Amino acid sequence: MHTAKVYEKVANIIPADELRGLSHGQTDALEELLAELLNIHDGDIEEITYDEIDEAFRKAKTF
C-alpha cells in the first residue's frame, strides 16, 4: 500500500481529532478498508473519492 500518500489523502478529508479518537481495532479496520479501496481502484490513490474515504472511516468507527 502507498501508505504515506493514502494517509495524506485521509488526513485532508477526516479531521485529525477524529482520526486520533479511533481505537486500535478501528484503526486496523480503517487500514483494511483503505487497502480494499486501493485494490478496487488498481492502486490509483487519486481515483479514491472523498465519499469512499468518508464511508470507510464511518464503517471503521463501528468496529
PDB file of N, CA and C in Angstrom:
ATOM      1  N   MET A   1       0.856  -1.172   0.000  1.00  0.00           N
ATOM      2  CA  MET A   1       0.000   0.000   0.000  1.00  0.00           C
ATOM      3  C   MET A   1       0.900   1.233   0.000  1.00  0.00           C
ATOM      4  N   HIS A   2       0.458   2.281  -0.656  1.00  0.00           N
ATOM      5  CA  HIS A   2       1.164   3.553  -0.694  1.00  0.00           C
ATOM      6  C   HIS A   2       0.791   4.333   0.556  1.00  0.00           C
ATOM      7  N   THR A   3       1.278   3.878   1.674  1.00  0.00           N
ATOM      8  CA  THR A   3       0.822   4.308   2.989  1.00  0.00           C
ATOM      9  C   THR A   3       0.825   5.820   3.169  1.00  0.00           C
ATOM     10  N   ALA A   4       1.934   6.466   2.943  1.00  0.00           N
ATOM     11  CA  ALA A   4       2.041   7.903   3.203  1.00  0.00           C
ATOM     12  C   ALA A   4       1.046   8.702   2.366  1.00  0.00           C
ATOM     13  N   LYS A   5       0.917   8.363   1.100  1.00  0.00           N
ATOM     14  CA  LYS A   5       0.003   9.099   0.217  1.00  0.00           C
ATOM     15  C   LYS A   5      -1.448   8.858   0.606  1.00  0.00           C
ATOM     16  N   VAL A   6      -1.768   7.642   0.992  1.00  0.00           N
ATOM     17  CA  VAL A   6      -3.136   7.331   1.406  1.00  0.00           C
ATOM     18  C   VAL A   6      -3.480   8.097   2.675  1.00  0.00           C
ATOM     19  N   TYR A   7      -2.562   8.066   3.655  1.00  0.00           N
ATOM     20  CA  TYR A   7      -2.823   8.767   4.912  1.00  0.00           C
ATOM     21  C   TYR A   7      -2.911  10.270   4.710  1.00  0.00           C
ATOM     22  N   GLU A   8      -2.124  10.792   3.798  1.00  0.00           N
ATOM     23  CA  GLU A   8      -2.205  12.225   3.494  1.00  0.00           C
ATOM     24  C   GLU A   8      -3.590  12.576   2.941  1.00  0.00           C
ATOM     25  N   LYS A   9      -4.086  11.737   2.048  1.00  0.00           N
ATOM     26  CA  LYS A   9      -5.414  11.984   1.480  1.00  0.00           C
ATOM     27  C   LYS A   9      -6.491  11.864   2.560  1.00  0.00           C
ATOM     28  N   VAL A  10      -6.376  10.855   3.414  1.00  0.00           N
ATOM     29  CA  VAL A  10      -7.336  10.680   4.503  1.00  0.00           C
ATOM     30  C   VAL A  10      -7.294  11.887   5.435  1.00  0.00           C
ATOM     31  N   ALA A  11      -6.088  12.344   5.773  1.00  0.00           N
ATOM     32  CA  ALA A  11      -5.932  13.480   6.686  1.00  0.00           C
ATOM     33  C   ALA A  11      -6.498  14.771   6.108  1.00  0.00           C
ATOM     34  N   ASN A  12      -6.573  14.861   4.794  1.00  0.00           N
ATOM     35  CA  ASN A  12      -7.164  16.034   4.158  1.00  0.00           C
ATOM     36  C   ASN A  12      -8.682  15.978   4.176  1.00  0.00           C
ATOM     37  N   ILE A  13      -9.236  14.826   4.488  1.00  0.00           N
ATOM     38  CA  ILE A  13     -10.693  14.639   4.472  1.00  0.00           C
ATOM     39  C   ILE A  13     -11.262  14.493   5.880  1.00  0.00           C
ATOM     40  N   ILE A  14     -10.619  13.695   6.709  1.00  0.00           N
ATOM     41  CA  ILE A  14     -11.109  13.415   8.058  1.00  0.00           C
ATOM     42  C   ILE A  14     -10.319  14.267   9.059  1.00  0.00           C
ATOM     43  N   PRO A  15     -11.001  15.013   9.928  1.00  0.00           N
ATOM     44  CA  PRO A  15     -10.291  15.834  10.916  1.00  0.00           C
ATOM     45  C   PRO A  15      -9.356  14.993  11.800  1.00  0.00           C
ATOM     46  N   ALA A  16      -8.200  15.561  12.113  1.00  0.00           N
ATOM     47  CA  ALA A  16      -7.182  14.859  12.898  1.00  0.00           C
ATOM     48  C   ALA A  16      -7.722  14.388  14.242  1.00  0.00           C
ATOM     49  N   ASP A  17      -8.546  15.197  14.890  1.00  0.00           N
ATOM     50  CA  ASP A  17      -9.106  14.799  16.183  1.00  0.00           C
ATOM     51  C   ASP A  17      -9.935  13.524  16.065  1.00  0.00           C
ATOM     52  N   GLU A  18     -10.672  13.408  14.973  1.00  0.00           N
ATOM     53  CA  GLU A  18     -11.483  12.205  14.776  1.00  0.00           C
ATOM     54  C   GLU A  18     -10.604  10.994  14.516  1.00  0.00           C
ATOM     55  N   LEU A  19      -9.542  11.172  13.752  1.00  0.00           N
ATOM     56  CA  LEU A  19      -8.628  10.061  13.489  1.00  0.00           C
ATOM     57  C   LEU A  19      -7.928   9.614  14.767  1.00  0.00           C
ATOM     58  N   ARG A  20      -7.516  10.569  15.588  1.00  0.00           N
ATOM     59  CA  ARG A  20      -6.854  10.222  16.845  1.00  0.00           C
ATOM     60  C   ARG A  20      -7.798   9.518  17.809  1.00  0.00           C
ATOM     61  N   GLY A  21      -9.092   9.727  17.636  1.00  0.00           N
ATOM     62  CA  GLY A  21     -10.073   9.113  18.523  1.00  0.00           C
ATOM     63  C   GLY A  21     -10.372   7.658  18.220  1.00  0.00           C
ATOM     64  N   LEU A  22      -9.814   7.132  17.144  1.00  0.00           N
ATOM     65  CA  LEU A  22     -10.057   5.733  16.792  1.00  0.00           C
ATOM     66  C   LEU A  22      -9.291   4.808  17.726  1.00  0.00           C
ATOM     67  N   SER A  23      -9.915   3.702  18.080  1.00  0.00           N
ATOM     68  CA  SER A  23      -9.217   2.671  18.861  1.00  0.00           C
ATOM     69  C   SER A  23      -8.256   1.926  17.929  1.00  0.00           C
ATOM     70  N   HIS A  24      -7.438   1.058  18.513  1.00  0.00           N
ATOM     71  CA  HIS A  24      -6.510   0.263  17.696  1.00  0.00           C
ATOM     72  C   HIS A  24      -7.277  -0.615  16.713  1.00  0.00           C
ATOM     73  N   GLY A  25      -8.361  -1.222  17.185  1.00  0.00           N
ATOM     74  CA  GLY A  25      -9.168  -2.074  16.310  1.00  0.00           C
ATOM     75  C   GLY A  25      -9.811  -1.286  15.183  1.00  0.00           C
ATOM     76  N   GLN A  26     -10.280  -0.097  15.495  1.00  0.00           N
ATOM     77  CA  GLN A  26     -10.892   0.757  14.474  1.00  0.00           C
ATOM     78  C   GLN A  26      -9.848   1.217  13.457  1.00  0.00           C
ATOM     79  N   THR A  27      -8.649   1.512  13.946  1.00  0.00           N
ATOM     80  CA  THR A  27      -7.566   1.912  13.043  1.00  0.00           C
ATOM     81  C   THR A  27      -7.212   0.759  12.106  1.00  0.00           C
ATOM     82  N   ASP A  28      -7.138  -0.452  12.650  1.00  0.00           N
ATOM     83  CA  ASP A  28      -6.873  -1.625  11.814  1.00  0.00           C
ATOM     84  C   ASP A  28      -7.962  -1.802  10.766  1.00  0.00           C
ATOM     85  N   ALA A  29      -9.220  -1.624  11.180  1.00  0.00           N
ATOM     86  CA  ALA A  29     -10.343  -1.758  10.249  1.00  0.00           C
ATOM     87  C   ALA A  29     -10.249  -0.709   9.147  1.00  0.00           C
ATOM     88  N   LEU A  30      -9.904   0.531   9.525  1.00  0.00           N
ATOM     89  CA  LEU A  30      -9.770   1.594   8.526  1.00  0.00           C
ATOM     90  C   LEU A  30      -8.664   1.254   7.537  1.00  0.00           C
ATOM     91  N   GLU A  31      -7.540   0.753   8.029  1.00  0.00           N
ATOM     92  CA  GLU A  31      -6.445   0.370   7.140  1.00  0.00           C
ATOM     93  C   GLU A  31      -6.873  -0.719   6.164  1.00  0.00           C
ATOM     94  N   GLU A  32      -7.633  -1.692   6.640  1.00  0.00           N
ATOM     95  CA  GLU A  32      -8.118  -2.765   5.765  1.00  0.00           C
ATOM     96  C   GLU A  32      -9.086  -2.215   4.716  1.00  0.00           C
ATOM     97  N   LEU A  33      -9.977  -1.327   5.132  1.00  0.00           N
ATOM     98  CA  LEU A  33     -10.931  -0.739   4.193  1.00  0.00           C
ATOM     99  C   LEU A  33     -10.223   0.120   3.148  1.00  0.00           C
ATOM    100  N   LEU A  34      -9.197   0.847   3.560  1.00  0.00           N
ATOM    101  CA  LEU A  34      -8.425   1.650   2.602  1.00  0.00           C
ATOM    102  C   LEU A  34      -7.673   0.763   1.626  1.00  0.00           C
ATOM    103  N   ALA A  35      -7.148  -0.362   2.115  1.00  0.00           N
ATOM    104  CA  ALA A  35      -6.464  -1.310   1.230  1.00  0.00           C
ATOM    105  C   ALA A  35      -7.441  -1.872   0.192  1.00  0.00           C
ATOM    106  N   GLU A  36      -8.674  -2.145   0.627  1.00  0.00           N
ATOM    107  CA  GLU A  36      -9.700  -2.614  -0.315  1.00  0.00           C
ATOM    108  C   GLU A  36      -9.981  -1.558  -1.375  1.00  0.00           C
ATOM    109  N   LEU A  37     -10.052  -0.296  -0.955  1.00  0.00           N
ATOM    110  CA  LEU A  37     -10.290   0.779  -1.929  1.00  0.00           C
ATOM    111  C   LEU A  37      -9.148   0.869  -2.934  1.00  0.00           C
ATOM    112  N   LEU A  38      -7.923   0.707  -2.451  1.00  0.00           N
ATOM    113  CA  LEU A  38      -6.786   0.710  -3.381  1.00  0.00           C
ATOM    114  C   LEU A  38      -6.887  -0.429  -4.380  1.00  0.00           C
ATOM    115  N   ASN A  39      -7.313  -1.594  -3.922  1.00  0.00           N
ATOM    116  CA  ASN A  39      -7.477  -2.730  -4.833  1.00  0.00           C
ATOM    117  C   ASN A  39      -8.571  -2.449  -5.856  1.00  0.00           C
ATOM    118  N   ILE A  40      -9.669  -1.885  -5.412  1.00  0.00           N
ATOM    119  CA  ILE A  40     -10.778  -1.570  -6.317  1.00  0.00           C
ATOM    120  C   ILE A  40     -10.310  -0.616  -7.415  1.00  0.00           C
ATOM    121  N   HIS A  41      -9.464   0.334  -7.040  1.00  0.00           N
ATOM    122  CA  HIS A  41      -9.002   1.355  -7.984  1.00  0.00           C
ATOM    123  C   HIS A  41      -7.621   1.044  -8.556  1.00  0.00           C
ATOM    124  N   ASP A  42      -7.243  -0.225  -8.520  1.00  0.00           N
ATOM    125  CA  ASP A  42      -5.977  -0.693  -9.102  1.00  0.00           C
ATOM    126  C   ASP A  42      -4.775   0.113  -8.620  1.00  0.00           C
ATOM    127  N   GLY A  43      -4.786   0.488  -7.334  1.00  0.00           N
ATOM    128  CA  GLY A  43      -3.655   1.184  -6.744  1.00  0.00           C
ATOM    129  C   GLY A  43      -3.584   2.671  -7.029  1.00  0.00           C
ATOM    130  N   ASP A  44      -4.580   3.203  -7.741  1.00  0.00           N
ATOM    131  CA  ASP A  44      -4.575   4.628  -8.084  1.00  0.00           C
ATOM    132  C   ASP A  44      -5.249   5.438  -6.975  1.00  0.00           C
ATOM    133  N   ILE A  45      -4.431   6.017  -6.126  1.00  0.00           N
ATOM    134  CA  ILE A  45      -4.935   6.764  -4.976  1.00  0.00           C
ATOM    135  C   ILE A  45      -5.828   7.918  -5.406  1.00  0.00           C
ATOM    136  N   GLU A  46      -5.487   8.540  -6.506  1.00  0.00           N
ATOM    137  CA  GLU A  46      -6.260   9.699  -6.974  1.00  0.00           C
ATOM    138  C   GLU A  46      -7.699   9.328  -7.350  1.00  0.00           C
ATOM    139  N   GLU A  47      -7.941   8.077  -7.644  1.00  0.00           N
ATOM    140  CA  GLU A  47      -9.281   7.627  -8.005  1.00  0.00           C
ATOM    141  C   GLU A  47     -10.190   7.401  -6.799  1.00  0.00           C
ATOM    142  N   ILE A  48      -9.607   7.326  -5.610  1.00  0.00           N
ATOM    143  CA  ILE A  48     -10.402   7.126  -4.402  1.00  0.00           C
ATOM    144  C   ILE A  48     -11.086   8.444  -4.066  1.00  0.00           C
ATOM    145  N   THR A  49     -12.394   8.414  -3.934  1.00  0.00           N
ATOM    146  CA  THR A  49     -13.162   9.642  -3.750  1.00  0.00           C
ATOM    147  C   THR A  49     -13.294  10.031  -2.281  1.00  0.00           C
ATOM    148  N   TYR A  50     -13.670  11.272  -2.078  1.00  0.00           N
ATOM    149  CA  TYR A  50     -13.973  11.784  -0.735  1.00  0.00           C
ATOM    150  C   TYR A  50     -15.014  10.895  -0.073  1.00  0.00           C
ATOM    151  N   ASP A  51     -16.085  10.602  -0.819  1.00  0.00           N
ATOM    152  CA  ASP A  51     -17.178   9.800  -0.265  1.00  0.00           C
ATOM    153  C   ASP A  51     -16.721   8.402   0.135  1.00  0.00           C
ATOM    154  N   GLU A  52     -15.842   7.797  -0.643  1.00  0.00           N
ATOM    155  CA  GLU A  52     -15.340   6.464  -0.300  1.00  0.00           C
ATOM    156  C   GLU A  52     -14.510   6.491   0.979  1.00  0.00           C
ATOM    157  N   ILE A  53     -13.683   7.504   1.120  1.00  0.00           N
ATOM    158  CA  ILE A  53     -12.872   7.619   2.334  1.00  0.00           C
ATOM    159  C   ILE A  53     -13.768   7.902   3.535  1.00  0.00           C
ATOM    160  N   ASP A  54     -14.726   8.783   3.372  1.00  0.00           N
ATOM    161  CA  ASP A  54     -15.658   9.092   4.460  1.00  0.00           C
ATOM    162  C   ASP A  54     -16.441   7.852   4.870  1.00  0.00           C
ATOM    163  N   GLU A  55     -16.898   7.085   3.891  1.00  0.00           N
ATOM    164  CA  GLU A  55     -17.638   5.856   4.187  1.00  0.00           C
ATOM    165  C   GLU A  55     -16.750   4.839   4.908  1.00  0.00           C
ATOM    166  N   ALA A  56     -15.507   4.691   4.461  1.00  0.00           N
ATOM    167  CA  ALA A  56     -14.579   3.761   5.116  1.00  0.00           C
ATOM    168  C   ALA A  56     -14.350   4.183   6.562  1.00  0.00           C
ATOM    169  N   PHE A  57     -14.187   5.479   6.797  1.00  0.00           N
ATOM    170  CA  PHE A  57     -13.981   5.980   8.153  1.00  0.00           C
ATOM    171  C   PHE A  57     -15.197   5.679   9.020  1.00  0.00           C
ATOM    172  N   ARG A  58     -16.379   5.933   8.511  1.00  0.00           N
ATOM    173  CA  ARG A  58     -17.606   5.706   9.294  1.00  0.00           C
ATOM    174  C   ARG A  58     -17.793   4.221   9.590  1.00  0.00           C
ATOM    175  N   LYS A  59     -17.472   3.359   8.613  1.00  0.00           N
ATOM    176  CA  LYS A  59     -17.549   1.912   8.852  1.00  0.00           C
ATOM    177  C   LYS A  59     -16.557   1.486   9.920  1.00  0.00           C
ATOM    178  N   ALA A  60     -15.333   2.019   9.839  1.00  0.00           N
ATOM    179  CA  ALA A  60     -14.294   1.643  10.797  1.00  0.00           C
ATOM    180  C   ALA A  60     -14.697   2.035  12.216  1.00  0.00           C
ATOM    181  N   LYS A  61     -15.407   3.129  12.360  1.00  0.00           N
ATOM    182  CA  LYS A  61     -15.820   3.585  13.693  1.00  0.00           C
ATOM    183  C   LYS A  61     -16.815   2.624  14.342  1.00  0.00           C
ATOM    184  N   THR A  62     -17.465   1.763  13.558  1.00  0.00           N
ATOM    185  CA  THR A  62     -18.433   0.835  14.107  1.00  0.00           C
ATOM    186  C   THR A  62     -17.784  -0.425  14.690  1.00  0.00           C
ATOM    187  N   PHE A  63     -16.480  -0.605  14.455  1.00  0.00           N
ATOM    188  CA  PHE A  63     -15.773  -1.787  14.954  1.00  0.00           C
ATOM    189  C   PHE A  63     -15.362  -1.597  16.393  1.00  0.00           C
TER     190      PHE A  63
END
